[in-house]
PDB file of N, CA and C in Angstrom:
ATOM      1  N   MET A   1       0.849  -1.170   0.000  1.00  0.00           N
ATOM      2  CA  MET A   1       0.000   0.000   0.000  1.00  0.00           C
ATOM      3  C   MET A   1       0.897   1.236   0.000  1.00  0.00           C
ATOM      4  N   LYS A   2       0.675   2.106  -0.976  1.00  0.00           N
ATOM      5  CA  LYS A   2       1.450   3.335  -1.086  1.00  0.00           C
ATOM      6  C   LYS A   2       0.766   4.415  -0.254  1.00  0.00           C
ATOM      7  N   LEU A   3       1.521   5.040   0.633  1.00  0.00           N
ATOM      8  CA  LEU A   3       0.964   6.086   1.483  1.00  0.00           C
ATOM      9  C   LEU A   3       0.822   7.390   0.692  1.00  0.00           C
ATOM     10  N   PRO A   4      -0.190   8.196   1.011  1.00  0.00           N
ATOM     11  CA  PRO A   4      -0.470   9.385   0.211  1.00  0.00           C
ATOM     12  C   PRO A   4       0.419  10.593   0.506  1.00  0.00           C
ATOM     13  N   TYR A   5       1.137  10.568   1.606  1.00  0.00           N
ATOM     14  CA  TYR A   5       1.981  11.698   1.991  1.00  0.00           C
ATOM     15  C   TYR A   5       3.398  11.212   2.243  1.00  0.00           C
ATOM     16  N   LYS A   6       4.367  12.070   1.968  1.00  0.00           N
ATOM     17  CA  LYS A   6       5.767  11.687   2.130  1.00  0.00           C
ATOM     18  C   LYS A   6       6.228  11.698   3.580  1.00  0.00           C
ATOM     19  N   HIS A   7       5.867  12.719   4.321  1.00  0.00           N
ATOM     20  CA  HIS A   7       6.403  12.902   5.671  1.00  0.00           C
ATOM     21  C   HIS A   7       5.285  12.797   6.699  1.00  0.00           C
ATOM     22  N   MET A   8       5.254  11.641   7.367  1.00  0.00           N
ATOM     23  CA  MET A   8       4.238  11.415   8.394  1.00  0.00           C
ATOM     24  C   MET A   8       4.895  10.748   9.589  1.00  0.00           C
ATOM     25  N   LEU A   9       4.370  11.028  10.764  1.00  0.00           N
ATOM     26  CA  LEU A   9       4.784  10.307  11.958  1.00  0.00           C
ATOM     27  C   LEU A   9       3.859   9.110  12.103  1.00  0.00           C
ATOM     28  N   ILE A  10       4.441   7.920  12.093  1.00  0.00           N
ATOM     29  CA  ILE A  10       3.652   6.689  12.167  1.00  0.00           C
ATOM     30  C   ILE A  10       3.958   6.006  13.482  1.00  0.00           C
ATOM     31  N   GLY A  11       2.917   5.768  14.267  1.00  0.00           N
ATOM     32  CA  GLY A  11       3.070   5.113  15.559  1.00  0.00           C
ATOM     33  C   GLY A  11       3.329   3.626  15.405  1.00  0.00           C
ATOM     34  N   ALA A  12       3.337   2.944  16.548  1.00  0.00           N
ATOM     35  CA  ALA A  12       3.647   1.520  16.559  1.00  0.00           C
ATOM     36  C   ALA A  12       2.420   0.634  16.766  1.00  0.00           C
ATOM     37  N   GLU A  13       1.338   1.204  17.278  1.00  0.00           N
ATOM     38  CA  GLU A  13       0.164   0.404  17.630  1.00  0.00           C
ATOM     39  C   GLU A  13      -1.088   0.932  16.939  1.00  0.00           C
ATOM     40  N   PRO A  14      -2.049   0.045  16.675  1.00  0.00           N
ATOM     41  CA  PRO A  14      -3.353   0.510  16.175  1.00  0.00           C
ATOM     42  C   PRO A  14      -4.013   1.421  17.218  1.00  0.00           C
ATOM     43  N   GLU A  15      -4.904   2.282  16.762  1.00  0.00           N
ATOM     44  CA  GLU A  15      -5.613   3.191  17.669  1.00  0.00           C
ATOM     45  C   GLU A  15      -7.094   3.205  17.330  1.00  0.00           C
ATOM     46  N   ILE A  16      -7.895   3.465  18.349  1.00  0.00           N
ATOM     47  CA  ILE A  16      -9.329   3.653  18.155  1.00  0.00           C
ATOM     48  C   ILE A  16      -9.557   5.143  17.951  1.00  0.00           C
ATOM     49  N   ILE A  17     -10.179   5.490  16.829  1.00  0.00           N
ATOM     50  CA  ILE A  17     -10.477   6.877  16.501  1.00  0.00           C
ATOM     51  C   ILE A  17     -11.997   7.049  16.550  1.00  0.00           C
ATOM     52  N   VAL A  18     -12.446   8.128  17.177  1.00  0.00           N
ATOM     53  CA  VAL A  18     -13.873   8.405  17.327  1.00  0.00           C
ATOM     54  C   VAL A  18     -14.249   9.574  16.428  1.00  0.00           C
ATOM     55  N   ASN A  19     -15.320   9.404  15.662  1.00  0.00           N
ATOM     56  CA  ASN A  19     -15.860  10.489  14.849  1.00  0.00           C
ATOM     57  C   ASN A  19     -16.481  11.506  15.814  1.00  0.00           C
ATOM     58  N   PRO A  20     -15.985  12.747  15.805  1.00  0.00           N
ATOM     59  CA  PRO A  20     -16.488  13.724  16.775  1.00  0.00           C
ATOM     60  C   PRO A  20     -17.945  14.131  16.543  1.00  0.00           C
ATOM     61  N   TYR A  21     -18.472  13.873  15.371  1.00  0.00           N
ATOM     62  CA  TYR A  21     -19.844  14.268  15.057  1.00  0.00           C
ATOM     63  C   TYR A  21     -20.850  13.172  15.344  1.00  0.00           C
ATOM     64  N   SER A  22     -20.498  11.920  15.020  1.00  0.00           N
ATOM     65  CA  SER A  22     -21.444  10.816  15.192  1.00  0.00           C
ATOM     66  C   SER A  22     -21.206  10.027  16.473  1.00  0.00           C
ATOM     67  N   GLY A  23     -19.986  10.081  16.992  1.00  0.00           N
ATOM     68  CA  GLY A  23     -19.647   9.279  18.162  1.00  0.00           C
ATOM     69  C   GLY A  23     -19.256   7.852  17.818  1.00  0.00           C
ATOM     70  N   HIS A  24     -19.371   7.467  16.544  1.00  0.00           N
ATOM     71  CA  HIS A  24     -18.969   6.128  16.128  1.00  0.00           C
ATOM     72  C   HIS A  24     -17.441   6.049  16.084  1.00  0.00           C
ATOM     73  N   SER A  25     -16.916   4.835  16.238  1.00  0.00           N
ATOM     74  CA  SER A  25     -15.464   4.688  16.274  1.00  0.00           C
ATOM     75  C   SER A  25     -15.004   3.560  15.361  1.00  0.00           C
ATOM     76  N   ALA A  26     -13.718   3.592  15.051  1.00  0.00           N
ATOM     77  CA  ALA A  26     -13.092   2.553  14.232  1.00  0.00           C
ATOM     78  C   ALA A  26     -11.655   2.393  14.702  1.00  0.00           C
ATOM     79  N   THR A  27     -11.163   1.170  14.631  1.00  0.00           N
ATOM     80  CA  THR A  27      -9.766   0.904  14.953  1.00  0.00           C
ATOM     81  C   THR A  27      -8.959   0.993  13.673  1.00  0.00           C
ATOM     82  N   LEU A  28      -7.912   1.831  13.707  1.00  0.00           N
ATOM     83  CA  LEU A  28      -7.077   2.047  12.537  1.00  0.00           C
ATOM     84  C   LEU A  28      -5.665   1.524  12.760  1.00  0.00           C
ATOM     85  N   THR A  29      -5.055   1.079  11.679  1.00  0.00           N
ATOM     86  CA  THR A  29      -3.640   0.690  11.723  1.00  0.00           C
ATOM     87  C   THR A  29      -2.818   1.954  11.971  1.00  0.00           C
ATOM     88  N   PRO A  30      -1.563   1.816  12.393  1.00  0.00           N
ATOM     89  CA  PRO A  30      -0.728   3.000  12.603  1.00  0.00           C
ATOM     90  C   PRO A  30      -0.611   3.879  11.352  1.00  0.00           C
ATOM     91  N   GLU A  31      -0.511   3.268  10.191  1.00  0.00           N
ATOM     92  CA  GLU A  31      -0.420   4.034   8.947  1.00  0.00           C
ATOM     93  C   GLU A  31      -1.705   4.823   8.691  1.00  0.00           C
ATOM     94  N   ALA A  32      -2.843   4.184   8.918  1.00  0.00           N
ATOM     95  CA  ALA A  32      -4.124   4.848   8.707  1.00  0.00           C
ATOM     96  C   ALA A  32      -4.331   5.982   9.710  1.00  0.00           C
ATOM     97  N   VAL A  33      -3.863   5.809  10.936  1.00  0.00           N
ATOM     98  CA  VAL A  33      -3.936   6.883  11.931  1.00  0.00           C
ATOM     99  C   VAL A  33      -3.133   8.088  11.450  1.00  0.00           C
ATOM    100  N   ALA A  34      -1.947   7.836  10.921  1.00  0.00           N
ATOM    101  CA  ALA A  34      -1.096   8.918  10.428  1.00  0.00           C
ATOM    102  C   ALA A  34      -1.779   9.667   9.283  1.00  0.00           C
ATOM    103  N   VAL A  35      -2.403   8.948   8.373  1.00  0.00           N
ATOM    104  CA  VAL A  35      -3.106   9.591   7.260  1.00  0.00           C
ATOM    105  C   VAL A  35      -4.313  10.367   7.791  1.00  0.00           C
ATOM    106  N   TYR A  36      -5.059   9.782   8.710  1.00  0.00           N
ATOM    107  CA  TYR A  36      -6.201  10.459   9.324  1.00  0.00           C
ATOM    108  C   TYR A  36      -5.761  11.776   9.963  1.00  0.00           C
ATOM    109  N   ASP A  37      -4.666  11.733  10.713  1.00  0.00           N
ATOM    110  CA  ASP A  37      -4.150  12.939  11.357  1.00  0.00           C
ATOM    111  C   ASP A  37      -3.752  13.995  10.328  1.00  0.00           C
ATOM    112  N   MET A  38      -3.147  13.563   9.227  1.00  0.00           N
ATOM    113  CA  MET A  38      -2.761  14.494   8.169  1.00  0.00           C
ATOM    114  C   MET A  38      -4.008  15.133   7.542  1.00  0.00           C
ATOM    115  N   ILE A  39      -5.046  14.345   7.319  1.00  0.00           N
ATOM    116  CA  ILE A  39      -6.291  14.870   6.758  1.00  0.00           C
ATOM    117  C   ILE A  39      -6.868  15.929   7.681  1.00  0.00           C
ATOM    118  N   LYS A  40      -6.952  15.629   8.948  1.00  0.00           N
ATOM    119  CA  LYS A  40      -7.544  16.565   9.909  1.00  0.00           C
ATOM    120  C   LYS A  40      -6.709  17.834  10.030  1.00  0.00           C
ATOM    121  N   GLY A  41      -5.390  17.695  10.019  1.00  0.00           N
ATOM    122  CA  GLY A  41      -4.525  18.864  10.064  1.00  0.00           C
ATOM    123  C   GLY A  41      -4.665  19.715   8.819  1.00  0.00           C
ATOM    124  N   ALA A  42      -4.741  19.067   7.669  1.00  0.00           N
ATOM    125  CA  ALA A  42      -4.903  19.795   6.404  1.00  0.00           C
ATOM    126  C   ALA A  42      -6.240  20.530   6.360  1.00  0.00           C
ATOM    127  N   GLU A  43      -7.282  19.915   6.927  1.00  0.00           N
ATOM    128  CA  GLU A  43      -8.583  20.588   7.013  1.00  0.00           C
ATOM    129  C   GLU A  43      -8.468  21.884   7.808  1.00  0.00           C
ATOM    130  N   MET A  44      -7.795  21.819   8.933  1.00  0.00           N
ATOM    131  CA  MET A  44      -7.647  22.994   9.792  1.00  0.00           C
ATOM    132  C   MET A  44      -6.859  24.103   9.099  1.00  0.00           C
ATOM    133  N   LEU A  45      -5.929  23.727   8.234  1.00  0.00           N
ATOM    134  CA  LEU A  45      -5.100  24.705   7.532  1.00  0.00           C
ATOM    135  C   LEU A  45      -5.689  25.149   6.193  1.00  0.00           C
ATOM    136  N   GLY A  46      -6.826  24.559   5.811  1.00  0.00           N
ATOM    137  CA  GLY A  46      -7.450  24.905   4.543  1.00  0.00           C
ATOM    138  C   GLY A  46      -6.716  24.363   3.329  1.00  0.00           C
ATOM    139  N   LYS A  47      -5.972  23.283   3.502  1.00  0.00           N
ATOM    140  CA  LYS A  47      -5.215  22.648   2.411  1.00  0.00           C
ATOM    141  C   LYS A  47      -6.092  21.546   1.801  1.00  0.00           C
ATOM    142  N   TYR A  48      -7.079  21.950   1.003  1.00  0.00           N
ATOM    143  CA  TYR A  48      -8.111  21.019   0.566  1.00  0.00           C
ATOM    144  C   TYR A  48      -7.640  20.015  -0.481  1.00  0.00           C
ATOM    145  N   GLU A  49      -6.634  20.339  -1.255  1.00  0.00           N
ATOM    146  CA  GLU A  49      -6.084  19.352  -2.186  1.00  0.00           C
ATOM    147  C   GLU A  49      -5.430  18.211  -1.407  1.00  0.00           C
ATOM    148  N   MET A  50      -4.748  18.558  -0.326  1.00  0.00           N
ATOM    149  CA  MET A  50      -4.133  17.557   0.542  1.00  0.00           C
ATOM    150  C   MET A  50      -5.204  16.695   1.219  1.00  0.00           C
ATOM    151  N   VAL A  51      -6.291  17.341   1.634  1.00  0.00           N
ATOM    152  CA  VAL A  51      -7.413  16.608   2.234  1.00  0.00           C
ATOM    153  C   VAL A  51      -7.961  15.605   1.227  1.00  0.00           C
ATOM    154  N   ARG A  52      -8.224  16.047   0.018  1.00  0.00           N
ATOM    155  CA  ARG A  52      -8.803  15.183  -1.018  1.00  0.00           C
ATOM    156  C   ARG A  52      -7.899  13.990  -1.303  1.00  0.00           C
ATOM    157  N   HIS A  53      -6.601  14.222  -1.344  1.00  0.00           N
ATOM    158  CA  HIS A  53      -5.647  13.146  -1.601  1.00  0.00           C
ATOM    159  C   HIS A  53      -5.741  12.068  -0.502  1.00  0.00           C
ATOM    160  N   GLY A  54      -5.824  12.511   0.739  1.00  0.00           N
ATOM    161  CA  GLY A  54      -5.953  11.572   1.856  1.00  0.00           C
ATOM    162  C   GLY A  54      -7.282  10.845   1.861  1.00  0.00           C
ATOM    163  N   LEU A  55      -8.361  11.559   1.537  1.00  0.00           N
ATOM    164  CA  LEU A  55      -9.681  10.924   1.496  1.00  0.00           C
ATOM    165  C   LEU A  55      -9.745   9.859   0.407  1.00  0.00           C
ATOM    166  N   ASP A  56      -9.150  10.149  -0.736  1.00  0.00           N
ATOM    167  CA  ASP A  56      -9.110   9.164  -1.823  1.00  0.00           C
ATOM    168  C   ASP A  56      -8.380   7.911  -1.378  1.00  0.00           C
ATOM    169  N   TRP A  57      -7.260   8.091  -0.681  1.00  0.00           N
ATOM    170  CA  TRP A  57      -6.481   6.957  -0.164  1.00  0.00           C
ATOM    171  C   TRP A  57      -7.329   6.138   0.811  1.00  0.00           C
ATOM    172  N   PHE A  58      -8.017   6.821   1.720  1.00  0.00           N
ATOM    173  CA  PHE A  58      -8.847   6.123   2.705  1.00  0.00           C
ATOM    174  C   PHE A  58      -9.952   5.329   2.019  1.00  0.00           C
ATOM    175  N   ARG A  59     -10.603   5.915   1.023  1.00  0.00           N
ATOM    176  CA  ARG A  59     -11.671   5.197   0.320  1.00  0.00           C
ATOM    177  C   ARG A  59     -11.147   3.943  -0.363  1.00  0.00           C
ATOM    178  N   GLU A  60      -9.917   4.002  -0.859  1.00  0.00           N
ATOM    179  CA  GLU A  60      -9.347   2.838  -1.536  1.00  0.00           C
ATOM    180  C   GLU A  60      -8.931   1.737  -0.566  1.00  0.00           C
ATOM    181  N   TYR A  61      -8.252   2.084   0.516  1.00  0.00           N
ATOM    182  CA  TYR A  61      -7.662   1.077   1.397  1.00  0.00           C
ATOM    183  C   TYR A  61      -8.469   0.774   2.655  1.00  0.00           C
ATOM    184  N   PHE A  62      -9.300   1.710   3.105  1.00  0.00           N
ATOM    185  CA  PHE A  62     -10.076   1.524   4.332  1.00  0.00           C
ATOM    186  C   PHE A  62     -11.495   2.069   4.126  1.00  0.00           C
ATOM    187  N   PRO A  63     -12.252   1.484   3.193  1.00  0.00           N
ATOM    188  CA  PRO A  63     -13.571   2.047   2.871  1.00  0.00           C
ATOM    189  C   PRO A  63     -14.556   2.031   4.043  1.00  0.00           C
ATOM    190  N   GLU A  64     -14.561   0.975   4.823  1.00  0.00           N
ATOM    191  CA  GLU A  64     -15.474   0.911   5.966  1.00  0.00           C
ATOM    192  C   GLU A  64     -15.171   2.008   6.968  1.00  0.00           C
ATOM    193  N   GLU A  65     -13.878   2.149   7.286  1.00  0.00           N
ATOM    194  CA  GLU A  65     -13.445   3.152   8.249  1.00  0.00           C
ATOM    195  C   GLU A  65     -13.667   4.570   7.703  1.00  0.00           C
ATOM    196  N   TYR A  66     -13.508   4.728   6.406  1.00  0.00           N
ATOM    197  CA  TYR A  66     -13.783   6.013   5.766  1.00  0.00           C
ATOM    198  C   TYR A  66     -15.221   6.438   6.058  1.00  0.00           C
ATOM    199  N   PHE A  67     -16.178   5.545   5.842  1.00  0.00           N
ATOM    200  CA  PHE A  67     -17.575   5.890   6.038  1.00  0.00           C
ATOM    201  C   PHE A  67     -17.906   6.159   7.506  1.00  0.00           C
ATOM    202  N   ILE A  68     -17.188   5.512   8.408  1.00  0.00           N
ATOM    203  CA  ILE A  68     -17.415   5.742   9.841  1.00  0.00           C
ATOM    204  C   ILE A  68     -16.809   7.071  10.293  1.00  0.00           C
ATOM    205  N   LEU A  69     -15.596   7.361   9.826  1.00  0.00           N
ATOM    206  CA  LEU A  69     -14.845   8.492  10.374  1.00  0.00           C
ATOM    207  C   LEU A  69     -14.827   9.750   9.520  1.00  0.00           C
ATOM    208  N   LEU A  70     -14.918   9.609   8.207  1.00  0.00           N
ATOM    209  CA  LEU A  70     -14.630  10.752   7.349  1.00  0.00           C
ATOM    210  C   LEU A  70     -15.744  11.144   6.391  1.00  0.00           C
ATOM    211  N   ASP A  71     -16.756  10.344   6.243  1.00  0.00           N
ATOM    212  CA  ASP A  71     -17.812  10.651   5.280  1.00  0.00           C
ATOM    213  C   ASP A  71     -18.815  11.604   5.864  1.00  0.00           C
TER     214      ASP A  71
END
């Protein structure tokens, strides 16, 4: 799986991420957590092309988690 961003901090363990709007949660691999964090950071900075790139990656590799956390 090719990651969508070059420079990310990737942890060692899976994490449970909670959708702040729905309250639903999903367990993500360390790589997916890093991409999720990049998406959320890019949203805050208004970097929407970066957001779209991450969302596309999530839909391809983690479609279930995408619908729980990012849709």
